[in-house]
All heavy atoms as atom14 arrays in JSON, in Angstrom:
{
  "sequence": "AYSGGMIRRLEVAQATLHKPRVLFLDEPTVGLDPQARRSVWEMIE",
  "atom14_mask": [
    [1, 1, 1, 1, 1, 0, 0, 0, 0, 0, 0, 0, 0, 0],
    [1, 1, 1, 1, 1, 1, 1, 1, 1, 1, 1, 1, 0, 0],
    [1, 1, 1, 1, 1, 1, 0, 0, 0, 0, 0, 0, 0, 0],
    [1, 1, 1, 1, 0, 0, 0, 0, 0, 0, 0, 0, 0, 0],
    [1, 1, 1, 1, 0, 0, 0, 0, 0, 0, 0, 0, 0, 0],
    [1, 1, 1, 1, 1, 1, 1, 1, 0, 0, 0, 0, 0, 0],
    [1, 1, 1, 1, 1, 1, 1, 1, 0, 0, 0, 0, 0, 0],
    [1, 1, 1, 1, 1, 1, 1, 1, 1, 1, 1, 0, 0, 0],
    [1, 1, 1, 1, 1, 1, 1, 1, 1, 1, 1, 0, 0, 0],
    [1, 1, 1, 1, 1, 1, 1, 1, 0, 0, 0, 0, 0, 0],
    [1, 1, 1, 1, 1, 1, 1, 1, 1, 0, 0, 0, 0, 0],
    [1, 1, 1, 1, 1, 1, 1, 0, 0, 0, 0, 0, 0, 0],
    [1, 1, 1, 1, 1, 0, 0, 0, 0, 0, 0, 0, 0, 0],
    [1, 1, 1, 1, 1, 1, 1, 1, 1, 0, 0, 0, 0, 0],
    [1, 1, 1, 1, 1, 0, 0, 0, 0, 0, 0, 0, 0, 0],
    [1, 1, 1, 1, 1, 1, 1, 0, 0, 0, 0, 0, 0, 0],
    [1, 1, 1, 1, 1, 1, 1, 1, 0, 0, 0, 0, 0, 0],
    [1, 1, 1, 1, 1, 1, 1, 1, 1, 1, 0, 0, 0, 0],
    [1, 1, 1, 1, 1, 1, 1, 1, 1, 0, 0, 0, 0, 0],
    [1, 1, 1, 1, 1, 1, 1, 0, 0, 0, 0, 0, 0, 0],
    [1, 1, 1, 1, 1, 1, 1, 1, 1, 1, 1, 0, 0, 0],
    [1, 1, 1, 1, 1, 1, 1, 0, 0, 0, 0, 0, 0, 0],
    [1, 1, 1, 1, 1, 1, 1, 1, 0, 0, 0, 0, 0, 0],
    [1, 1, 1, 1, 1, 1, 1, 1, 1, 1, 1, 0, 0, 0],
    [1, 1, 1, 1, 1, 1, 1, 1, 0, 0, 0, 0, 0, 0],
    [1, 1, 1, 1, 1, 1, 1, 1, 0, 0, 0, 0, 0, 0],
    [1, 1, 1, 1, 1, 1, 1, 1, 1, 0, 0, 0, 0, 0],
    [1, 1, 1, 1, 1, 1, 1, 0, 0, 0, 0, 0, 0, 0],
    [1, 1, 1, 1, 1, 1, 1, 0, 0, 0, 0, 0, 0, 0],
    [1, 1, 1, 1, 1, 1, 1, 0, 0, 0, 0, 0, 0, 0],
    [1, 1, 1, 1, 0, 0, 0, 0, 0, 0, 0, 0, 0, 0],
    [1, 1, 1, 1, 1, 1, 1, 1, 0, 0, 0, 0, 0, 0],
    [1, 1, 1, 1, 1, 1, 1, 1, 0, 0, 0, 0, 0, 0],
    [1, 1, 1, 1, 1, 1, 1, 0, 0, 0, 0, 0, 0, 0],
    [1, 1, 1, 1, 1, 1, 1, 1, 1, 0, 0, 0, 0, 0],
    [1, 1, 1, 1, 1, 0, 0, 0, 0, 0, 0, 0, 0, 0],
    [1, 1, 1, 1, 1, 1, 1, 1, 1, 1, 1, 0, 0, 0],
    [1, 1, 1, 1, 1, 1, 1, 1, 1, 1, 1, 0, 0, 0],
    [1, 1, 1, 1, 1, 1, 0, 0, 0, 0, 0, 0, 0, 0],
    [1, 1, 1, 1, 1, 1, 1, 0, 0, 0, 0, 0, 0, 0],
    [1, 1, 1, 1, 1, 1, 1, 1, 1, 1, 1, 1, 1, 1],
    [1, 1, 1, 1, 1, 1, 1, 1, 1, 0, 0, 0, 0, 0],
    [1, 1, 1, 1, 1, 1, 1, 1, 0, 0, 0, 0, 0, 0],
    [1, 1, 1, 1, 1, 1, 1, 1, 0, 0, 0, 0, 0, 0],
    [1, 1, 1, 1, 1, 1, 1, 1, 1, 0, 0, 0, 0, 0]
  ],
  "atom14_positions": [
    [[241.34, 27.89, 359.92], [242.56, 28.48, 360.47], [243.13, 27.66, 361.63], [244.19, 28.0, 362.17], [242.28, 29.91, 360.94], [0.0, 0.0, 0.0], [0.0, 0.0, 0.0], [0.0, 0.0, 0.0], [0.0, 0.0, 0.0], [0.0, 0.0, 0.0], [0.0, 0.0, 0.0], [0.0, 0.0, 0.0], [0.0, 0.0, 0.0], [0.0, 0.0, 0.0]],
    [[242.45, 26.59, 362.01], [242.92, 25.75, 363.11], [244.13, 24.92, 362.67], [244.29, 24.59, 361.49], [241.83, 24.76, 363.55], [240.75, 25.3, 364.44], [240.52, 26.66, 364.58], [239.91, 24.43, 365.14], [239.5, 27.14, 365.4], [238.9, 24.89, 365.96], [238.69, 26.25, 366.08], [237.69, 26.71, 366.89], [0.0, 0.0, 0.0], [0.0, 0.0, 0.0]],
    [[244.97, 24.56, 363.63], [246.04, 23.6, 363.38], [245.44, 22.2, 363.3], [244.28, 21.99, 363.68], [247.08, 23.65, 364.5], [246.51, 23.15, 365.71], [0.0, 0.0, 0.0], [0.0, 0.0, 0.0], [0.0, 0.0, 0.0], [0.0, 0.0, 0.0], [0.0, 0.0, 0.0], [0.0, 0.0, 0.0], [0.0, 0.0, 0.0], [0.0, 0.0, 0.0]],
    [[246.23, 21.23, 362.83], [245.74, 19.86, 362.74], [245.31, 19.3, 364.08], [244.27, 18.65, 364.2], [0.0, 0.0, 0.0], [0.0, 0.0, 0.0], [0.0, 0.0, 0.0], [0.0, 0.0, 0.0], [0.0, 0.0, 0.0], [0.0, 0.0, 0.0], [0.0, 0.0, 0.0], [0.0, 0.0, 0.0], [0.0, 0.0, 0.0], [0.0, 0.0, 0.0]],
    [[246.08, 19.59, 365.13], [245.73, 19.11, 366.47], [244.44, 19.73, 366.97], [243.63, 19.05, 367.61], [0.0, 0.0, 0.0], [0.0, 0.0, 0.0], [0.0, 0.0, 0.0], [0.0, 0.0, 0.0], [0.0, 0.0, 0.0], [0.0, 0.0, 0.0], [0.0, 0.0, 0.0], [0.0, 0.0, 0.0], [0.0, 0.0, 0.0], [0.0, 0.0, 0.0]],
    [[244.24, 21.01, 366.68], [243.01, 21.68, 367.1], [241.8, 21.08, 366.39], [240.73, 20.91, 367.0], [243.11, 23.18, 366.81], [244.12, 23.92, 367.68], [244.42, 25.61, 367.1], [242.85, 26.4, 367.48], [0.0, 0.0, 0.0], [0.0, 0.0, 0.0], [0.0, 0.0, 0.0], [0.0, 0.0, 0.0], [0.0, 0.0, 0.0], [0.0, 0.0, 0.0]],
    [[241.96, 20.77, 365.1], [240.84, 20.17, 364.35], [240.46, 18.83, 364.96], [239.27, 18.54, 365.15], [241.21, 20.01, 362.87], [241.36, 21.38, 362.2], [240.15, 19.19, 362.14], [241.92, 21.32, 360.8], [0.0, 0.0, 0.0], [0.0, 0.0, 0.0], [0.0, 0.0, 0.0], [0.0, 0.0, 0.0], [0.0, 0.0, 0.0], [0.0, 0.0, 0.0]],
    [[241.46, 18.0, 365.26], [241.17, 16.69, 365.86], [240.46, 16.86, 367.2], [239.51, 16.14, 367.52], [242.45, 15.88, 366.04], [242.86, 15.13, 364.8], [241.87, 14.01, 364.49], [242.33, 13.21, 363.38], [241.76, 13.16, 362.19], [240.71, 13.92, 361.94], [242.23, 12.39, 361.24], [0.0, 0.0, 0.0], [0.0, 0.0, 0.0], [0.0, 0.0, 0.0]],
    [[240.91, 17.83, 368.0], [240.27, 18.04, 369.3], [238.83, 18.51, 369.13], [237.94, 18.12, 369.89], [241.08, 19.04, 370.12], [242.34, 18.41, 370.73], [243.08, 19.36, 371.63], [243.96, 20.24, 370.89], [244.19, 21.51, 371.2], [243.57, 22.08, 372.22], [245.02, 22.24, 370.49], [0.0, 0.0, 0.0], [0.0, 0.0, 0.0], [0.0, 0.0, 0.0]],
    [[238.59, 19.35, 368.13], [237.21, 19.78, 367.85], [236.35, 18.59, 367.44], [235.2, 18.46, 367.87], [237.21, 20.83, 366.74], [235.83, 21.28, 366.26], [235.05, 21.95, 367.39], [235.95, 22.22, 365.06], [0.0, 0.0, 0.0], [0.0, 0.0, 0.0], [0.0, 0.0, 0.0], [0.0, 0.0, 0.0], [0.0, 0.0, 0.0], [0.0, 0.0, 0.0]],
    [[236.9, 17.7, 366.62], [236.14, 16.54, 366.18], [235.81, 15.61, 367.34], [234.72, 15.03, 367.39], [236.92, 15.81, 365.09], [236.97, 16.6, 363.79], [237.86, 15.97, 362.73], [238.9, 15.38, 363.1], [237.52, 16.05, 361.54], [0.0, 0.0, 0.0], [0.0, 0.0, 0.0], [0.0, 0.0, 0.0], [0.0, 0.0, 0.0], [0.0, 0.0, 0.0]],
    [[236.74, 15.47, 368.29], [236.44, 14.68, 369.48], [235.35, 15.37, 370.3], [234.46, 14.72, 370.86], [237.71, 14.45, 370.33], [237.36, 13.79, 371.67], [238.71, 13.57, 369.57], [0.0, 0.0, 0.0], [0.0, 0.0, 0.0], [0.0, 0.0, 0.0], [0.0, 0.0, 0.0], [0.0, 0.0, 0.0], [0.0, 0.0, 0.0], [0.0, 0.0, 0.0]],
    [[235.41, 16.7, 370.38], [234.37, 17.45, 371.09], [233.01, 17.21, 370.44], [232.0, 17.0, 371.13], [234.71, 18.94, 371.09], [0.0, 0.0, 0.0], [0.0, 0.0, 0.0], [0.0, 0.0, 0.0], [0.0, 0.0, 0.0], [0.0, 0.0, 0.0], [0.0, 0.0, 0.0], [0.0, 0.0, 0.0], [0.0, 0.0, 0.0], [0.0, 0.0, 0.0]],
    [[232.96, 17.25, 369.1], [231.71, 16.98, 368.38], [231.18, 15.58, 368.71], [229.98, 15.38, 368.91], [231.94, 17.08, 366.88], [232.14, 18.48, 366.35], [232.41, 18.47, 364.85], [233.49, 18.1, 364.41], [231.43, 18.86, 364.06], [0.0, 0.0, 0.0], [0.0, 0.0, 0.0], [0.0, 0.0, 0.0], [0.0, 0.0, 0.0], [0.0, 0.0, 0.0]],
    [[232.09, 14.61, 368.74], [231.69, 13.21, 368.92], [231.29, 12.88, 370.35], [230.64, 11.85, 370.59], [232.84, 12.29, 368.5], [0.0, 0.0, 0.0], [0.0, 0.0, 0.0], [0.0, 0.0, 0.0], [0.0, 0.0, 0.0], [0.0, 0.0, 0.0], [0.0, 0.0, 0.0], [0.0, 0.0, 0.0], [0.0, 0.0, 0.0], [0.0, 0.0, 0.0]],
    [[231.65, 13.74, 371.31], [231.33, 13.45, 372.72], [230.31, 14.42, 373.3], [229.98, 14.36, 374.47], [232.61, 13.48, 373.58], [233.26, 14.75, 373.43], [233.57, 12.38, 373.17], [0.0, 0.0, 0.0], [0.0, 0.0, 0.0], [0.0, 0.0, 0.0], [0.0, 0.0, 0.0], [0.0, 0.0, 0.0], [0.0, 0.0, 0.0], [0.0, 0.0, 0.0]],
    [[229.79, 15.3, 372.46], [228.84, 16.32, 372.91], [227.61, 15.71, 373.56], [227.06, 16.25, 374.53], [228.45, 17.19, 371.72], [227.69, 18.49, 371.98], [228.52, 19.44, 372.84], [227.34, 19.16, 370.66], [0.0, 0.0, 0.0], [0.0, 0.0, 0.0], [0.0, 0.0, 0.0], [0.0, 0.0, 0.0], [0.0, 0.0, 0.0], [0.0, 0.0, 0.0]],
    [[227.16, 14.57, 373.05], [225.94, 13.93, 373.54], [226.23, 12.86, 374.6], [225.34, 12.1, 374.97], [225.17, 13.3, 372.38], [225.94, 12.25, 371.65], [227.16, 12.48, 371.09], [225.66, 10.94, 371.39], [227.61, 11.36, 370.52], [226.71, 10.42, 370.7], [0.0, 0.0, 0.0], [0.0, 0.0, 0.0], [0.0, 0.0, 0.0], [0.0, 0.0, 0.0]],
    [[227.47, 12.83, 375.11], [227.89, 11.91, 376.16], [227.64, 10.45, 375.78], [226.85, 9.73, 376.41], [227.2, 12.24, 377.49], [227.52, 13.65, 377.98], [226.91, 13.95, 379.33], [227.3, 15.35, 379.8], [226.71, 15.68, 381.13], [0.0, 0.0, 0.0], [0.0, 0.0, 0.0], [0.0, 0.0, 0.0], [0.0, 0.0, 0.0], [0.0, 0.0, 0.0]],
    [[228.33, 9.99, 374.74], [228.14, 8.61, 374.27], [228.72, 7.59, 375.24], [229.59, 7.91, 376.05], [228.91, 8.59, 372.94], [230.01, 9.58, 373.16], [229.39, 10.69, 373.97], [0.0, 0.0, 0.0], [0.0, 0.0, 0.0], [0.0, 0.0, 0.0], [0.0, 0.0, 0.0], [0.0, 0.0, 0.0], [0.0, 0.0, 0.0], [0.0, 0.0, 0.0]],
    [[228.25, 6.37, 375.12], [228.8, 5.28, 375.93], [230.07, 4.72, 375.32], [230.93, 4.2, 376.02], [227.76, 4.16, 376.09], [226.53, 4.6, 376.87], [225.61, 3.43, 377.16], [226.25, 2.42, 377.98], [225.71, 1.26, 378.33], [224.49, 0.97, 377.9], [226.35, 0.4, 379.08], [0.0, 0.0, 0.0], [0.0, 0.0, 0.0], [0.0, 0.0, 0.0]],
    [[230.18, 4.8, 373.99], [231.36, 4.32, 373.28], [231.84, 5.39, 372.31], [231.04, 5.94, 371.55], [231.07, 3.02, 372.49], [232.35, 2.51, 371.83], [230.5, 1.94, 373.41], [0.0, 0.0, 0.0], [0.0, 0.0, 0.0], [0.0, 0.0, 0.0], [0.0, 0.0, 0.0], [0.0, 0.0, 0.0], [0.0, 0.0, 0.0], [0.0, 0.0, 0.0]],
    [[233.14, 5.67, 372.33], [233.74, 6.62, 371.41], [234.64, 5.86, 370.44], [235.58, 5.19, 370.85], [234.57, 7.67, 372.17], [235.36, 8.66, 371.31], [234.42, 9.5, 370.45], [236.24, 9.55, 372.18], [0.0, 0.0, 0.0], [0.0, 0.0, 0.0], [0.0, 0.0, 0.0], [0.0, 0.0, 0.0], [0.0, 0.0, 0.0], [0.0, 0.0, 0.0]],
    [[234.34, 5.96, 369.15], [235.14, 5.32, 368.11], [236.09, 6.35, 367.51], [235.65, 7.43, 367.08], [234.25, 4.74, 367.01], [233.47, 3.53, 367.43], [232.16, 3.65, 367.86], [234.04, 2.26, 367.39], [231.42, 2.53, 368.25], [233.33, 1.15, 367.76], [232.02, 1.27, 368.19], [0.0, 0.0, 0.0], [0.0, 0.0, 0.0], [0.0, 0.0, 0.0]],
    [[237.36, 6.0, 367.45], [238.37, 6.88, 366.88], [239.12, 6.1, 365.8], [239.8, 5.12, 366.08], [239.37, 7.32, 367.97], [238.81, 8.03, 369.19], [239.88, 8.18, 370.26], [238.24, 9.38, 368.81], [0.0, 0.0, 0.0], [0.0, 0.0, 0.0], [0.0, 0.0, 0.0], [0.0, 0.0, 0.0], [0.0, 0.0, 0.0], [0.0, 0.0, 0.0]],
    [[238.98, 6.55, 364.56], [239.63, 5.87, 363.44], [240.9, 6.64, 363.07], [240.83, 7.71, 362.47], [238.67, 5.79, 362.25], [239.18, 4.88, 361.14], [240.22, 4.23, 361.34], [238.54, 4.82, 360.08], [0.0, 0.0, 0.0], [0.0, 0.0, 0.0], [0.0, 0.0, 0.0], [0.0, 0.0, 0.0], [0.0, 0.0, 0.0], [0.0, 0.0, 0.0]],
    [[242.06, 6.08, 363.45], [243.35, 6.74, 363.21], [243.31, 8.19, 363.69], [243.48, 9.13, 362.9], [243.7, 6.67, 361.72], [243.83, 5.27, 361.16], [245.16, 4.61, 361.5], [245.98, 5.22, 362.22], [245.38, 3.47, 361.06], [0.0, 0.0, 0.0], [0.0, 0.0, 0.0], [0.0, 0.0, 0.0], [0.0, 0.0, 0.0], [0.0, 0.0, 0.0]],
    [[243.1, 8.41, 365.0], [242.86, 9.78, 365.49], [244.02, 10.74, 365.34], [243.8, 11.95, 365.35], [242.52, 9.56, 366.97], [243.19, 8.27, 367.31], [243.05, 7.42, 366.09], [0.0, 0.0, 0.0], [0.0, 0.0, 0.0], [0.0, 0.0, 0.0], [0.0, 0.0, 0.0], [0.0, 0.0, 0.0], [0.0, 0.0, 0.0], [0.0, 0.0, 0.0]],
    [[245.25, 10.24, 365.2], [246.39, 11.17, 365.11], [247.12, 11.09, 363.79], [248.23, 11.6, 363.66], [247.38, 10.92, 366.26], [247.91, 9.58, 366.16], [246.72, 11.1, 367.61], [0.0, 0.0, 0.0], [0.0, 0.0, 0.0], [0.0, 0.0, 0.0], [0.0, 0.0, 0.0], [0.0, 0.0, 0.0], [0.0, 0.0, 0.0], [0.0, 0.0, 0.0]],
    [[246.52, 10.47, 362.77], [247.18, 10.41, 361.46], [247.36, 11.82, 360.9], [246.46, 12.65, 360.99], [246.37, 9.53, 360.48], [245.03, 10.16, 360.13], [247.16, 9.26, 359.2], [0.0, 0.0, 0.0], [0.0, 0.0, 0.0], [0.0, 0.0, 0.0], [0.0, 0.0, 0.0], [0.0, 0.0, 0.0], [0.0, 0.0, 0.0], [0.0, 0.0, 0.0]],
    [[248.54, 12.11, 360.4], [248.8, 13.41, 359.81], [249.21, 14.49, 360.8], [249.5, 15.61, 360.38], [0.0, 0.0, 0.0], [0.0, 0.0, 0.0], [0.0, 0.0, 0.0], [0.0, 0.0, 0.0], [0.0, 0.0, 0.0], [0.0, 0.0, 0.0], [0.0, 0.0, 0.0], [0.0, 0.0, 0.0], [0.0, 0.0, 0.0], [0.0, 0.0, 0.0]],
    [[249.24, 14.17, 362.09], [249.6, 15.17, 363.09], [251.09, 15.12, 363.41], [251.71, 14.05, 363.36], [248.81, 14.95, 364.38], [247.29, 15.01, 364.29], [246.67, 14.85, 365.67], [246.83, 16.31, 363.65], [0.0, 0.0, 0.0], [0.0, 0.0, 0.0], [0.0, 0.0, 0.0], [0.0, 0.0, 0.0], [0.0, 0.0, 0.0], [0.0, 0.0, 0.0]],
    [[251.66, 16.28, 363.77], [253.05, 16.3, 364.19], [253.14, 15.72, 365.61], [252.11, 15.57, 366.3], [253.62, 17.72, 364.14], [252.89, 18.7, 365.05], [252.74, 18.43, 366.25], [252.45, 19.76, 364.54], [0.0, 0.0, 0.0], [0.0, 0.0, 0.0], [0.0, 0.0, 0.0], [0.0, 0.0, 0.0], [0.0, 0.0, 0.0], [0.0, 0.0, 0.0]],
    [[254.34, 15.36, 366.08], [254.48, 14.71, 367.39], [253.85, 15.48, 368.55], [253.22, 14.88, 369.44], [256.0, 14.6, 367.56], [256.51, 14.48, 366.15], [255.62, 15.41, 365.35], [0.0, 0.0, 0.0], [0.0, 0.0, 0.0], [0.0, 0.0, 0.0], [0.0, 0.0, 0.0], [0.0, 0.0, 0.0], [0.0, 0.0, 0.0], [0.0, 0.0, 0.0]],
    [[253.98, 16.8, 368.55], [253.41, 17.59, 369.65], [251.88, 17.53, 369.63], [251.24, 17.34, 370.68], [253.88, 19.05, 369.55], [253.37, 19.92, 370.7], [253.92, 21.34, 370.63], [254.79, 21.64, 369.8], [253.41, 22.22, 371.47], [0.0, 0.0, 0.0], [0.0, 0.0, 0.0], [0.0, 0.0, 0.0], [0.0, 0.0, 0.0], [0.0, 0.0, 0.0]],
    [[251.3, 17.69, 368.45], [249.84, 17.62, 368.34], [249.34, 16.23, 368.68], [248.28, 16.06, 369.3], [249.42, 18.01, 366.93], [0.0, 0.0, 0.0], [0.0, 0.0, 0.0], [0.0, 0.0, 0.0], [0.0, 0.0, 0.0], [0.0, 0.0, 0.0], [0.0, 0.0, 0.0], [0.0, 0.0, 0.0], [0.0, 0.0, 0.0], [0.0, 0.0, 0.0]],
    [[250.09, 15.21, 368.28], [249.7, 13.83, 368.58], [249.62, 13.61, 370.08], [248.67, 13.04, 370.59], [250.71, 12.87, 367.94], [250.36, 11.4, 368.1], [251.35, 10.54, 367.32], [251.25, 10.83, 365.9], [252.25, 10.72, 365.04], [253.44, 10.36, 365.47], [252.06, 10.98, 363.77], [0.0, 0.0, 0.0], [0.0, 0.0, 0.0], [0.0, 0.0, 0.0]],
    [[250.62, 14.11, 370.79], [250.62, 13.93, 372.25], [249.48, 14.7, 372.92], [248.93, 14.25, 373.92], [251.97, 14.35, 372.84], [253.09, 13.37, 372.48], [254.36, 13.61, 373.28], [255.34, 12.56, 373.0], [255.35, 11.38, 373.59], [254.43, 11.1, 374.51], [256.26, 10.48, 373.29], [0.0, 0.0, 0.0], [0.0, 0.0, 0.0], [0.0, 0.0, 0.0]],
    [[249.12, 15.84, 372.36], [248.01, 16.6, 372.95], [246.7, 15.83, 372.78], [245.83, 15.85, 373.66], [247.91, 17.99, 372.31], [247.38, 17.92, 371.0], [0.0, 0.0, 0.0], [0.0, 0.0, 0.0], [0.0, 0.0, 0.0], [0.0, 0.0, 0.0], [0.0, 0.0, 0.0], [0.0, 0.0, 0.0], [0.0, 0.0, 0.0], [0.0, 0.0, 0.0]],
    [[246.55, 15.13, 371.66], [245.36, 14.31, 371.45], [245.37, 13.11, 372.4], [244.34, 12.74, 372.97], [245.26, 13.84, 369.98], [244.12, 12.85, 369.8], [245.05, 15.04, 369.07], [0.0, 0.0, 0.0], [0.0, 0.0, 0.0], [0.0, 0.0, 0.0], [0.0, 0.0, 0.0], [0.0, 0.0, 0.0], [0.0, 0.0, 0.0], [0.0, 0.0, 0.0]],
    [[246.54, 12.51, 372.61], [246.66, 11.39, 373.56], [246.21, 11.82, 374.96], [245.46, 11.12, 375.63], [248.1, 10.9, 373.62], [248.57, 10.21, 372.38], [247.82, 9.81, 371.31], [249.93, 9.84, 372.07], [248.62, 9.22, 370.36], [249.91, 9.22, 370.79], [251.14, 9.98, 372.73], [251.07, 8.74, 370.18], [252.3, 9.5, 372.13], [252.25, 8.89, 370.87]],
    [[246.7, 12.99, 375.38], [246.34, 13.49, 376.71], [244.84, 13.73, 376.83], [244.23, 13.43, 377.86], [247.1, 14.79, 377.0], [248.61, 14.59, 377.17], [249.36, 15.9, 377.25], [248.7, 16.98, 377.19], [250.6, 15.88, 377.37], [0.0, 0.0, 0.0], [0.0, 0.0, 0.0], [0.0, 0.0, 0.0], [0.0, 0.0, 0.0], [0.0, 0.0, 0.0]],
    [[244.24, 14.24, 375.76], [242.81, 14.5, 375.76], [242.02, 13.2, 375.88], [241.03, 13.12, 376.61], [242.42, 15.25, 374.5], [240.94, 15.61, 374.42], [240.54, 16.3, 372.82], [241.01, 14.96, 371.74], [0.0, 0.0, 0.0], [0.0, 0.0, 0.0], [0.0, 0.0, 0.0], [0.0, 0.0, 0.0], [0.0, 0.0, 0.0], [0.0, 0.0, 0.0]],
    [[242.45, 12.15, 375.17], [241.77, 10.86, 375.23], [241.84, 10.28, 376.64], [240.85, 9.77, 377.18], [242.37, 9.89, 374.21], [242.08, 10.36, 372.78], [241.82, 8.48, 374.41], [242.81, 9.59, 371.71], [0.0, 0.0, 0.0], [0.0, 0.0, 0.0], [0.0, 0.0, 0.0], [0.0, 0.0, 0.0], [0.0, 0.0, 0.0], [0.0, 0.0, 0.0]],
    [[243.02, 10.39, 377.27], [243.17, 9.87, 378.63], [242.28, 10.65, 379.61], [241.65, 10.06, 380.49], [244.63, 9.96, 379.05], [245.53, 8.97, 378.3], [246.97, 9.02, 378.76], [247.46, 10.14, 379.03], [247.6, 7.96, 378.86], [0.0, 0.0, 0.0], [0.0, 0.0, 0.0], [0.0, 0.0, 0.0], [0.0, 0.0, 0.0], [0.0, 0.0, 0.0]]
  ]
}
């Protein structure tokens, strides 16, 4: 039931749960609308 932006944010949460030294993002905003894309950008920053 999540939106596309919420799913991407959850996936970033999964990938950073163990506090990695390097985070790999493969096309992190593909398929997202402009608003969701910007929310992911803000989260990465």
